[in-house]
Amino acid sequence: MKLNKRCKIESATSKDKNRHNITEPYLEVRPDGQSRLMATDGRMLAVLPVETSEDDVSGYVSADALKASRKGRTMESVIRCNGSLEVWHGATFPRPDPGTYPNVDVVMPKNEATHGKRKIRLSLNAALLARLADAMGTEGVTLEFLADESDGSVSDPLMVTPRSTDDRKCAMDDALGVIMPMRL
């Protein structure tokens, strides 16, 4: 399997050891060549296209193997994923088997799901949004924006307000923020 080194998909896995089947990324090798590496924590899902070789098989890929594969000098991480995980010019790791990986296709939006709904296109710097949420003392935010009627794009500043992520109140419930969208 080949994966861009900048991708740290293991950061999207669950840290809850009681949710065994989502604590490691999962490689799905497809016969149509559209293989993908997936990770979820139950609240977010990351799906990355990967290039696989003939001997790669579907299964879990440990975070340790992914980290070791990024230590090479090329721009891609290369791991042979069969009975074990063999990092190119590196260590070999056992292939974890924490159970059956959930069917991610049930939560992935389909093109037909947008029928009758307006699609809004918004690009923003996620790091800036995370910093703004930290500045307001919250983990959750609500974004309010105006979309262009002609193409659904967003070019005006976005209003950002804190949102409680549980039953507790945010540190600054009345805080306000603004973030500029990125060009599409």
N, C-alpha and C. Protein backbone atom coordinates (compact mmCIF):
# COMPACT_ATOMS: atom_id res chain seq x y z
N MET A 1 0.85 -1.17 0.00
CA MET A 1 0.00 0.00 0.00
C MET A 1 0.89 1.22 0.00
N LYS A 2 0.54 2.19 -0.82
CA LYS A 2 1.25 3.47 -0.85
C LYS A 2 0.31 4.57 -0.38
N LEU A 3 0.84 5.45 0.47
CA LEU A 3 0.06 6.53 1.05
C LEU A 3 0.97 7.74 1.21
N ASN A 4 0.45 8.94 0.92
CA ASN A 4 1.22 10.16 1.09
C ASN A 4 1.61 10.30 2.55
N LYS A 5 2.86 10.67 2.80
CA LYS A 5 3.38 10.78 4.17
C LYS A 5 2.71 11.86 5.00
N ARG A 6 2.13 12.85 4.36
CA ARG A 6 1.47 13.91 5.12
C ARG A 6 0.21 13.42 5.81
N CYS A 7 -0.36 12.33 5.32
CA CYS A 7 -1.61 11.81 5.87
C CYS A 7 -1.32 11.05 7.17
N LYS A 8 -1.96 11.47 8.22
CA LYS A 8 -1.83 10.80 9.52
C LYS A 8 -3.20 10.29 9.93
N ILE A 9 -3.69 9.34 9.15
CA ILE A 9 -5.05 8.85 9.31
C ILE A 9 -5.31 8.24 10.68
N GLU A 10 -4.28 7.76 11.34
CA GLU A 10 -4.47 7.16 12.66
C GLU A 10 -4.99 8.16 13.68
N SER A 11 -4.87 9.45 13.40
CA SER A 11 -5.39 10.46 14.33
C SER A 11 -6.92 10.51 14.31
N ALA A 12 -7.56 9.85 13.35
CA ALA A 12 -9.03 9.82 13.28
C ALA A 12 -9.62 8.58 13.95
N THR A 13 -8.78 7.72 14.53
CA THR A 13 -9.29 6.51 15.18
C THR A 13 -9.78 6.79 16.59
N SER A 14 -10.56 5.88 17.12
CA SER A 14 -11.08 6.00 18.47
C SER A 14 -9.98 5.71 19.49
N LYS A 15 -9.96 6.47 20.56
CA LYS A 15 -9.03 6.23 21.67
C LYS A 15 -9.69 5.38 22.75
N ASP A 16 -10.98 5.10 22.58
CA ASP A 16 -11.76 4.32 23.54
C ASP A 16 -11.48 2.84 23.31
N LYS A 17 -10.75 2.21 24.21
CA LYS A 17 -10.36 0.80 24.06
C LYS A 17 -11.57 -0.14 24.11
N ASN A 18 -12.73 0.35 24.55
CA ASN A 18 -13.94 -0.48 24.54
C ASN A 18 -14.56 -0.57 23.15
N ARG A 19 -14.10 0.27 22.23
CA ARG A 19 -14.59 0.24 20.85
C ARG A 19 -13.50 -0.36 19.97
N HIS A 20 -13.17 -1.61 20.23
CA HIS A 20 -12.03 -2.30 19.62
C HIS A 20 -11.97 -2.15 18.11
N ASN A 21 -13.09 -2.29 17.43
CA ASN A 21 -13.07 -2.36 15.98
C ASN A 21 -12.81 -1.01 15.29
N ILE A 22 -12.72 0.08 16.05
CA ILE A 22 -12.40 1.37 15.41
C ILE A 22 -11.17 2.04 16.04
N THR A 23 -10.32 1.25 16.70
CA THR A 23 -9.11 1.81 17.31
C THR A 23 -7.90 1.79 16.38
N GLU A 24 -8.06 1.20 15.20
CA GLU A 24 -6.98 1.16 14.20
C GLU A 24 -7.57 1.47 12.83
N PRO A 25 -6.79 2.06 11.92
CA PRO A 25 -7.27 2.26 10.55
C PRO A 25 -7.50 0.92 9.85
N TYR A 26 -8.36 0.92 8.84
CA TYR A 26 -8.71 -0.30 8.12
C TYR A 26 -8.44 -0.10 6.63
N LEU A 27 -7.73 -1.04 6.04
CA LEU A 27 -7.45 -1.02 4.60
C LEU A 27 -8.48 -1.90 3.90
N GLU A 28 -9.19 -1.30 2.94
CA GLU A 28 -10.12 -2.06 2.11
C GLU A 28 -9.54 -2.15 0.71
N VAL A 29 -9.11 -3.35 0.33
CA VAL A 29 -8.56 -3.58 -1.00
C VAL A 29 -9.72 -3.97 -1.91
N ARG A 30 -9.90 -3.21 -2.99
CA ARG A 30 -11.00 -3.45 -3.92
C ARG A 30 -10.46 -3.95 -5.25
N PRO A 31 -11.18 -4.87 -5.87
CA PRO A 31 -10.74 -5.39 -7.16
C PRO A 31 -10.78 -4.35 -8.28
N ASP A 32 -11.59 -3.29 -8.12
CA ASP A 32 -11.69 -2.26 -9.15
C ASP A 32 -10.55 -1.24 -9.08
N GLY A 33 -9.61 -1.44 -8.14
CA GLY A 33 -8.47 -0.54 -8.01
C GLY A 33 -8.77 0.69 -7.17
N GLN A 34 -9.96 0.83 -6.64
CA GLN A 34 -10.35 1.98 -5.83
C GLN A 34 -10.18 1.67 -4.33
N SER A 35 -9.02 1.16 -3.96
CA SER A 35 -8.77 0.78 -2.57
C SER A 35 -8.71 2.03 -1.70
N ARG A 36 -9.02 1.83 -0.41
CA ARG A 36 -9.06 2.97 0.50
C ARG A 36 -8.65 2.55 1.91
N LEU A 37 -8.08 3.53 2.61
CA LEU A 37 -7.70 3.37 4.01
C LEU A 37 -8.66 4.25 4.80
N MET A 38 -9.30 3.66 5.84
CA MET A 38 -10.36 4.36 6.55
C MET A 38 -10.06 4.38 8.05
N ALA A 39 -10.54 5.43 8.71
CA ALA A 39 -10.44 5.52 10.16
C ALA A 39 -11.62 6.33 10.68
N THR A 40 -12.14 5.90 11.82
CA THR A 40 -13.24 6.63 12.45
C THR A 40 -13.12 6.53 13.96
N ASP A 41 -13.67 7.54 14.62
CA ASP A 41 -13.79 7.47 16.08
C ASP A 41 -15.25 7.44 16.48
N GLY A 42 -16.15 7.32 15.52
CA GLY A 42 -17.58 7.30 15.78
C GLY A 42 -18.22 8.66 15.57
N ARG A 43 -17.42 9.73 15.55
CA ARG A 43 -17.94 11.07 15.31
C ARG A 43 -17.39 11.67 14.03
N MET A 44 -16.26 11.19 13.58
CA MET A 44 -15.68 11.64 12.32
C MET A 44 -15.19 10.42 11.56
N LEU A 45 -15.07 10.58 10.27
CA LEU A 45 -14.62 9.50 9.39
C LEU A 45 -13.65 10.07 8.38
N ALA A 46 -12.50 9.43 8.24
CA ALA A 46 -11.52 9.81 7.22
C ALA A 46 -11.38 8.63 6.27
N VAL A 47 -11.47 8.90 4.98
CA VAL A 47 -11.33 7.88 3.95
C VAL A 47 -10.32 8.39 2.94
N LEU A 48 -9.21 7.67 2.79
CA LEU A 48 -8.14 8.09 1.89
C LEU A 48 -7.96 7.06 0.79
N PRO A 49 -7.90 7.50 -0.47
CA PRO A 49 -7.57 6.55 -1.54
C PRO A 49 -6.11 6.14 -1.42
N VAL A 50 -5.84 4.86 -1.64
CA VAL A 50 -4.47 4.35 -1.58
C VAL A 50 -4.21 3.46 -2.78
N GLU A 51 -2.96 3.37 -3.13
CA GLU A 51 -2.53 2.47 -4.19
C GLU A 51 -2.09 1.16 -3.53
N THR A 52 -2.65 0.07 -3.98
CA THR A 52 -2.28 -1.23 -3.40
C THR A 52 -1.58 -2.08 -4.44
N SER A 53 -0.84 -3.08 -3.94
CA SER A 53 -0.17 -4.02 -4.84
C SER A 53 -0.97 -5.32 -4.84
N GLU A 54 -0.57 -6.25 -5.71
CA GLU A 54 -1.28 -7.52 -5.87
C GLU A 54 -1.35 -8.33 -4.60
N ASP A 55 -0.32 -8.26 -3.76
CA ASP A 55 -0.31 -9.10 -2.56
C ASP A 55 -0.92 -8.43 -1.32
N ASP A 56 -1.37 -7.18 -1.43
CA ASP A 56 -2.04 -6.53 -0.31
C ASP A 56 -3.44 -7.11 -0.14
N VAL A 57 -3.86 -7.29 1.11
CA VAL A 57 -5.20 -7.79 1.41
C VAL A 57 -5.87 -6.85 2.41
N SER A 58 -7.19 -6.86 2.40
CA SER A 58 -7.97 -6.03 3.32
C SER A 58 -7.68 -6.43 4.76
N GLY A 59 -7.72 -5.44 5.63
CA GLY A 59 -7.51 -5.70 7.05
C GLY A 59 -7.02 -4.45 7.76
N TYR A 60 -6.85 -4.58 9.06
CA TYR A 60 -6.40 -3.46 9.87
C TYR A 60 -4.92 -3.17 9.62
N VAL A 61 -4.57 -1.88 9.73
CA VAL A 61 -3.19 -1.42 9.61
C VAL A 61 -2.88 -0.68 10.90
N SER A 62 -1.93 -1.14 11.65
CA SER A 62 -1.65 -0.54 12.95
C SER A 62 -1.08 0.87 12.82
N ALA A 63 -1.39 1.70 13.80
CA ALA A 63 -0.85 3.05 13.85
C ALA A 63 0.67 3.02 13.93
N ASP A 64 1.21 2.03 14.63
CA ASP A 64 2.67 1.90 14.74
C ASP A 64 3.32 1.67 13.38
N ALA A 65 2.70 0.84 12.54
CA ALA A 65 3.23 0.59 11.20
C ALA A 65 3.16 1.85 10.34
N LEU A 66 2.07 2.58 10.45
CA LEU A 66 1.93 3.83 9.68
C LEU A 66 2.99 4.85 10.11
N LYS A 67 3.21 4.98 11.41
CA LYS A 67 4.23 5.92 11.90
C LYS A 67 5.62 5.52 11.43
N ALA A 68 5.93 4.23 11.48
CA ALA A 68 7.25 3.75 11.04
C ALA A 68 7.44 3.97 9.55
N SER A 69 6.37 3.85 8.77
CA SER A 69 6.48 4.01 7.32
C SER A 69 6.76 5.45 6.92
N ARG A 70 6.41 6.40 7.76
CA ARG A 70 6.65 7.81 7.43
C ARG A 70 8.09 8.22 7.68
N LYS A 71 8.91 7.36 8.25
CA LYS A 71 10.30 7.71 8.56
C LYS A 71 11.23 7.60 7.36
N GLY A 72 10.78 7.04 6.26
CA GLY A 72 11.62 6.91 5.07
C GLY A 72 11.87 8.25 4.40
N ARG A 73 12.65 8.23 3.36
CA ARG A 73 13.05 9.47 2.70
C ARG A 73 12.16 9.85 1.52
N THR A 74 11.25 8.99 1.11
CA THR A 74 10.39 9.31 -0.03
C THR A 74 9.16 10.07 0.45
N MET A 75 8.37 10.59 -0.48
CA MET A 75 7.16 11.33 -0.14
C MET A 75 5.99 10.41 0.19
N GLU A 76 6.18 9.11 -0.06
CA GLU A 76 5.10 8.16 0.18
C GLU A 76 5.50 7.16 1.25
N SER A 77 4.50 6.76 2.02
CA SER A 77 4.67 5.65 2.96
C SER A 77 4.36 4.38 2.19
N VAL A 78 5.19 3.37 2.34
CA VAL A 78 4.95 2.11 1.64
C VAL A 78 4.93 0.99 2.67
N ILE A 79 3.81 0.27 2.70
CA ILE A 79 3.65 -0.86 3.62
C ILE A 79 3.09 -2.03 2.82
N ARG A 80 3.71 -3.18 2.97
CA ARG A 80 3.18 -4.41 2.37
C ARG A 80 2.16 -4.96 3.37
N CYS A 81 0.91 -5.06 2.95
CA CYS A 81 -0.19 -5.43 3.86
C CYS A 81 -0.75 -6.79 3.49
N ASN A 82 -0.14 -7.85 4.00
CA ASN A 82 -0.70 -9.19 3.80
C ASN A 82 -0.87 -9.82 5.17
N GLY A 83 -0.26 -10.94 5.46
CA GLY A 83 -0.39 -11.56 6.78
C GLY A 83 0.18 -10.72 7.90
N SER A 84 1.17 -9.89 7.58
CA SER A 84 1.75 -8.95 8.54
C SER A 84 1.86 -7.61 7.84
N LEU A 85 2.39 -6.64 8.53
CA LEU A 85 2.59 -5.30 7.96
C LEU A 85 4.09 -5.07 7.85
N GLU A 86 4.60 -5.04 6.62
CA GLU A 86 6.03 -4.88 6.40
C GLU A 86 6.30 -3.50 5.84
N VAL A 87 6.97 -2.67 6.63
CA VAL A 87 7.33 -1.33 6.19
C VAL A 87 8.51 -1.44 5.24
N TRP A 88 8.42 -0.76 4.11
CA TRP A 88 9.48 -0.81 3.10
C TRP A 88 10.79 -0.34 3.72
N HIS A 89 11.83 -1.16 3.65
CA HIS A 89 13.14 -0.89 4.24
C HIS A 89 13.03 -0.61 5.73
N GLY A 90 12.18 -1.38 6.42
CA GLY A 90 12.01 -1.14 7.85
C GLY A 90 11.49 -2.35 8.59
N ALA A 91 10.79 -2.08 9.63
CA ALA A 91 10.31 -3.11 10.55
C ALA A 91 9.08 -3.85 10.03
N THR A 92 8.77 -4.97 10.67
CA THR A 92 7.57 -5.73 10.40
C THR A 92 6.70 -5.70 11.66
N PHE A 93 5.41 -5.49 11.46
CA PHE A 93 4.47 -5.39 12.57
C PHE A 93 3.39 -6.45 12.42
N PRO A 94 2.88 -6.98 13.53
CA PRO A 94 1.75 -7.91 13.43
C PRO A 94 0.51 -7.16 12.96
N ARG A 95 -0.33 -7.86 12.23
CA ARG A 95 -1.56 -7.24 11.74
C ARG A 95 -2.62 -7.34 12.83
N PRO A 96 -3.12 -6.21 13.34
CA PRO A 96 -4.13 -6.27 14.39
C PRO A 96 -5.45 -6.83 13.86
N ASP A 97 -6.23 -7.43 14.73
CA ASP A 97 -7.55 -7.95 14.34
C ASP A 97 -8.54 -7.70 15.47
N PRO A 98 -8.95 -6.44 15.65
CA PRO A 98 -9.86 -6.12 16.74
C PRO A 98 -11.34 -6.40 16.44
N GLY A 99 -11.65 -7.05 15.34
CA GLY A 99 -13.04 -7.37 15.03
C GLY A 99 -13.44 -6.91 13.64
N THR A 100 -14.73 -6.83 13.42
CA THR A 100 -15.27 -6.43 12.12
C THR A 100 -15.36 -4.92 12.04
N TYR A 101 -14.80 -4.37 10.96
CA TYR A 101 -14.84 -2.92 10.78
C TYR A 101 -16.25 -2.51 10.34
N PRO A 102 -16.76 -1.38 10.82
CA PRO A 102 -18.11 -0.97 10.44
C PRO A 102 -18.21 -0.62 8.95
N ASN A 103 -19.40 -0.76 8.40
CA ASN A 103 -19.66 -0.42 7.01
C ASN A 103 -19.77 1.10 6.88
N VAL A 104 -18.71 1.73 6.39
CA VAL A 104 -18.69 3.19 6.31
C VAL A 104 -19.57 3.72 5.19
N ASP A 105 -19.93 2.89 4.23
CA ASP A 105 -20.75 3.36 3.12
C ASP A 105 -22.15 3.79 3.55
N VAL A 106 -22.61 3.34 4.72
CA VAL A 106 -23.94 3.74 5.17
C VAL A 106 -23.98 5.20 5.62
N VAL A 107 -22.84 5.78 5.98
CA VAL A 107 -22.82 7.19 6.38
C VAL A 107 -22.26 8.12 5.30
N MET A 108 -21.65 7.57 4.27
CA MET A 108 -21.10 8.40 3.20
C MET A 108 -22.23 8.95 2.35
N PRO A 109 -22.28 10.26 2.13
CA PRO A 109 -23.34 10.83 1.30
C PRO A 109 -23.23 10.33 -0.14
N LYS A 110 -24.36 10.04 -0.71
CA LYS A 110 -24.43 9.61 -2.11
C LYS A 110 -24.89 10.79 -2.96
N ASN A 111 -24.53 10.79 -4.23
CA ASN A 111 -24.97 11.87 -5.12
C ASN A 111 -26.48 11.99 -5.16
N GLU A 112 -27.19 10.85 -5.16
CA GLU A 112 -28.65 10.91 -5.21
C GLU A 112 -29.24 11.46 -3.92
N ALA A 113 -28.47 11.46 -2.83
CA ALA A 113 -28.96 11.99 -1.56
C ALA A 113 -29.11 13.51 -1.62
N THR A 114 -28.45 14.19 -2.56
CA THR A 114 -28.54 15.64 -2.67
C THR A 114 -29.72 16.06 -3.53
N HIS A 115 -30.44 15.10 -4.10
CA HIS A 115 -31.59 15.43 -4.94
C HIS A 115 -32.60 16.26 -4.14
N GLY A 116 -32.95 17.42 -4.68
CA GLY A 116 -33.90 18.29 -4.02
C GLY A 116 -33.28 19.17 -2.95
N LYS A 117 -31.96 19.06 -2.75
CA LYS A 117 -31.28 19.88 -1.74
C LYS A 117 -30.24 20.75 -2.43
N ARG A 118 -30.03 21.92 -1.89
CA ARG A 118 -29.03 22.83 -2.44
C ARG A 118 -27.67 22.49 -1.85
N LYS A 119 -26.68 22.35 -2.70
CA LYS A 119 -25.32 22.07 -2.25
C LYS A 119 -24.59 23.39 -2.03
N ILE A 120 -24.00 23.54 -0.85
CA ILE A 120 -23.22 24.72 -0.51
C ILE A 120 -21.75 24.32 -0.54
N ARG A 121 -20.92 25.16 -1.17
CA ARG A 121 -19.48 24.88 -1.22
C ARG A 121 -18.75 25.89 -0.35
N LEU A 122 -17.99 25.37 0.59
CA LEU A 122 -17.26 26.20 1.53
C LEU A 122 -15.88 25.61 1.73
N SER A 123 -14.86 26.44 1.60
CA SER A 123 -13.50 26.02 1.89
C SER A 123 -12.97 26.92 3.00
N LEU A 124 -12.37 26.30 4.03
CA LEU A 124 -11.79 27.10 5.08
C LEU A 124 -10.58 26.40 5.66
N ASN A 125 -9.78 27.16 6.37
CA ASN A 125 -8.57 26.64 6.99
C ASN A 125 -8.97 26.01 8.32
N ALA A 126 -8.91 24.69 8.40
CA ALA A 126 -9.34 23.97 9.60
C ALA A 126 -8.49 24.32 10.81
N ALA A 127 -7.20 24.60 10.61
CA ALA A 127 -6.33 24.97 11.73
C ALA A 127 -6.77 26.31 12.33
N LEU A 128 -7.15 27.25 11.46
CA LEU A 128 -7.64 28.54 11.97
C LEU A 128 -8.95 28.35 12.74
N LEU A 129 -9.82 27.52 12.23
CA LEU A 129 -11.08 27.26 12.91
C LEU A 129 -10.84 26.62 14.28
N ALA A 130 -9.91 25.68 14.36
CA ALA A 130 -9.58 25.05 15.65
C ALA A 130 -8.99 26.08 16.62
N ARG A 131 -8.12 26.96 16.12
CA ARG A 131 -7.53 28.00 16.98
C ARG A 131 -8.60 28.96 17.48
N LEU A 132 -9.56 29.31 16.60
CA LEU A 132 -10.64 30.20 16.98
C LEU A 132 -11.52 29.55 18.04
N ALA A 133 -11.83 28.27 17.89
CA ALA A 133 -12.62 27.55 18.90
C ALA A 133 -11.88 27.54 20.23
N ASP A 134 -10.57 27.30 20.21
CA ASP A 134 -9.78 27.35 21.44
C ASP A 134 -9.84 28.73 22.08
N ALA A 135 -9.75 29.76 21.25
CA ALA A 135 -9.79 31.13 21.77
C ALA A 135 -11.13 31.43 22.44
N MET A 136 -12.21 30.81 21.97
CA MET A 136 -13.53 31.03 22.56
C MET A 136 -13.83 30.04 23.69
N GLY A 137 -12.90 29.11 23.96
CA GLY A 137 -13.07 28.18 25.06
C GLY A 137 -14.09 27.09 24.80
N THR A 138 -14.15 26.61 23.55
CA THR A 138 -15.13 25.59 23.20
C THR A 138 -14.52 24.56 22.27
N GLU A 139 -15.09 23.37 22.25
CA GLU A 139 -14.68 22.34 21.29
C GLU A 139 -15.61 22.32 20.09
N GLY A 140 -16.83 22.78 20.26
CA GLY A 140 -17.81 22.78 19.17
C GLY A 140 -18.14 24.19 18.75
N VAL A 141 -18.37 24.37 17.47
CA VAL A 141 -18.74 25.69 16.96
C VAL A 141 -19.92 25.55 16.01
N THR A 142 -20.63 26.65 15.84
CA THR A 142 -21.67 26.76 14.83
C THR A 142 -21.19 27.77 13.81
N LEU A 143 -21.29 27.43 12.53
CA LEU A 143 -20.89 28.34 11.46
C LEU A 143 -22.14 28.90 10.80
N GLU A 144 -22.17 30.20 10.62
CA GLU A 144 -23.25 30.85 9.88
C GLU A 144 -22.61 31.56 8.70
N PHE A 145 -23.18 31.33 7.51
CA PHE A 145 -22.60 31.94 6.32
C PHE A 145 -23.67 32.21 5.28
N LEU A 146 -23.34 33.12 4.38
CA LEU A 146 -24.22 33.44 3.26
C LEU A 146 -23.64 32.81 2.01
N ALA A 147 -24.46 32.06 1.30
CA ALA A 147 -24.01 31.40 0.08
C ALA A 147 -24.45 32.20 -1.14
N ASP A 148 -23.60 32.24 -2.14
CA ASP A 148 -23.93 32.88 -3.41
C ASP A 148 -25.05 32.09 -4.08
N GLU A 149 -26.11 32.77 -4.47
CA GLU A 149 -27.27 32.09 -5.08
C GLU A 149 -26.92 31.41 -6.41
N SER A 150 -25.97 31.98 -7.15
CA SER A 150 -25.69 31.43 -8.48
C SER A 150 -24.95 30.10 -8.45
N ASP A 151 -23.94 29.99 -7.58
CA ASP A 151 -23.15 28.75 -7.60
C ASP A 151 -23.02 28.07 -6.23
N GLY A 152 -23.63 28.62 -5.19
CA GLY A 152 -23.57 27.99 -3.88
C GLY A 152 -22.26 28.19 -3.15
N SER A 153 -21.36 29.01 -3.69
CA SER A 153 -20.08 29.22 -3.02
C SER A 153 -20.22 30.24 -1.90
N VAL A 154 -19.23 30.25 -1.01
CA VAL A 154 -19.22 31.17 0.12
C VAL A 154 -17.98 32.04 0.00
N SER A 155 -18.17 33.36 -0.04
CA SER A 155 -17.02 34.25 -0.14
C SER A 155 -17.03 35.32 0.96
N ASP A 156 -18.14 35.49 1.67
CA ASP A 156 -18.22 36.45 2.77
C ASP A 156 -17.66 35.83 4.05
N PRO A 157 -17.29 36.67 5.02
CA PRO A 157 -16.80 36.12 6.30
C PRO A 157 -17.86 35.24 6.96
N LEU A 158 -17.39 34.24 7.69
CA LEU A 158 -18.28 33.33 8.40
C LEU A 158 -18.38 33.76 9.86
N MET A 159 -19.59 33.76 10.38
CA MET A 159 -19.79 34.03 11.81
C MET A 159 -19.61 32.71 12.54
N VAL A 160 -18.78 32.71 13.57
CA VAL A 160 -18.50 31.50 14.35
C VAL A 160 -18.94 31.76 15.78
N THR A 161 -19.79 30.88 16.30
CA THR A 161 -20.24 31.00 17.68
C THR A 161 -19.96 29.68 18.39
N PRO A 162 -19.69 29.74 19.70
CA PRO A 162 -19.42 28.50 20.45
C PRO A 162 -20.68 27.65 20.54
N ARG A 163 -20.48 26.36 20.62
CA ARG A 163 -21.59 25.43 20.76
C ARG A 163 -21.18 24.39 21.79
N SER A 164 -22.03 24.19 22.77
CA SER A 164 -21.74 23.18 23.79
C SER A 164 -21.74 21.81 23.14
N THR A 165 -20.74 20.99 23.46
CA THR A 165 -20.66 19.65 22.89
C THR A 165 -21.25 18.60 23.81
N ASP A 166 -21.68 19.00 24.98
CA ASP A 166 -22.34 18.09 25.90
C ASP A 166 -23.32 18.91 26.74
N ASP A 167 -23.72 18.42 27.87
CA ASP A 167 -24.71 19.12 28.70
C ASP A 167 -24.13 20.35 29.41
N ARG A 168 -22.81 20.46 29.42
CA ARG A 168 -22.19 21.60 30.09
C ARG A 168 -22.24 22.82 29.18
N LYS A 169 -22.20 23.98 29.77
CA LYS A 169 -22.16 25.22 29.02
C LYS A 169 -20.73 25.46 28.54
N CYS A 170 -20.58 26.21 27.45
CA CYS A 170 -19.26 26.60 26.97
C CYS A 170 -18.66 27.61 27.94
N ALA A 171 -17.35 27.75 27.88
CA ALA A 171 -16.66 28.71 28.74
C ALA A 171 -17.15 30.13 28.45
N MET A 172 -17.41 30.40 27.20
CA MET A 172 -17.84 31.74 26.78
C MET A 172 -19.03 31.61 25.84
N ASP A 173 -20.22 31.35 26.38
CA ASP A 173 -21.40 31.13 25.54
C ASP A 173 -21.73 32.30 24.64
N ASP A 174 -21.38 33.50 25.05
CA ASP A 174 -21.73 34.68 24.25
C ASP A 174 -20.58 35.14 23.35
N ALA A 175 -19.52 34.36 23.26
CA ALA A 175 -18.37 34.73 22.42
C ALA A 175 -18.77 34.69 20.95
N LEU A 176 -18.09 35.50 20.16
CA LEU A 176 -18.31 35.54 18.71
C LEU A 176 -16.97 35.48 18.01
N GLY A 177 -16.96 34.93 16.83
CA GLY A 177 -15.74 34.89 16.04
C GLY A 177 -16.08 35.07 14.57
N VAL A 178 -15.11 35.42 13.80
CA VAL A 178 -15.25 35.55 12.34
C VAL A 178 -14.06 34.86 11.71
N ILE A 179 -14.29 34.12 10.67
CA ILE A 179 -13.19 33.50 9.93
C ILE A 179 -13.45 33.70 8.44
N MET A 180 -12.40 33.94 7.71
CA MET A 180 -12.54 34.17 6.27
C MET A 180 -12.50 32.83 5.53
N PRO A 181 -13.40 32.63 4.57
CA PRO A 181 -13.32 31.41 3.76
C PRO A 181 -12.13 31.47 2.82
N MET A 182 -11.67 30.32 2.39
CA MET A 182 -10.58 30.24 1.41
C MET A 182 -11.19 30.28 0.02
N ARG A 183 -10.41 30.69 -0.94
CA ARG A 183 -10.89 30.70 -2.34
C ARG A 183 -11.10 29.28 -2.81
N LEU A 184 -12.17 29.07 -3.54
CA LEU A 184 -12.47 27.74 -4.09
C LEU A 184 -11.66 27.49 -5.33
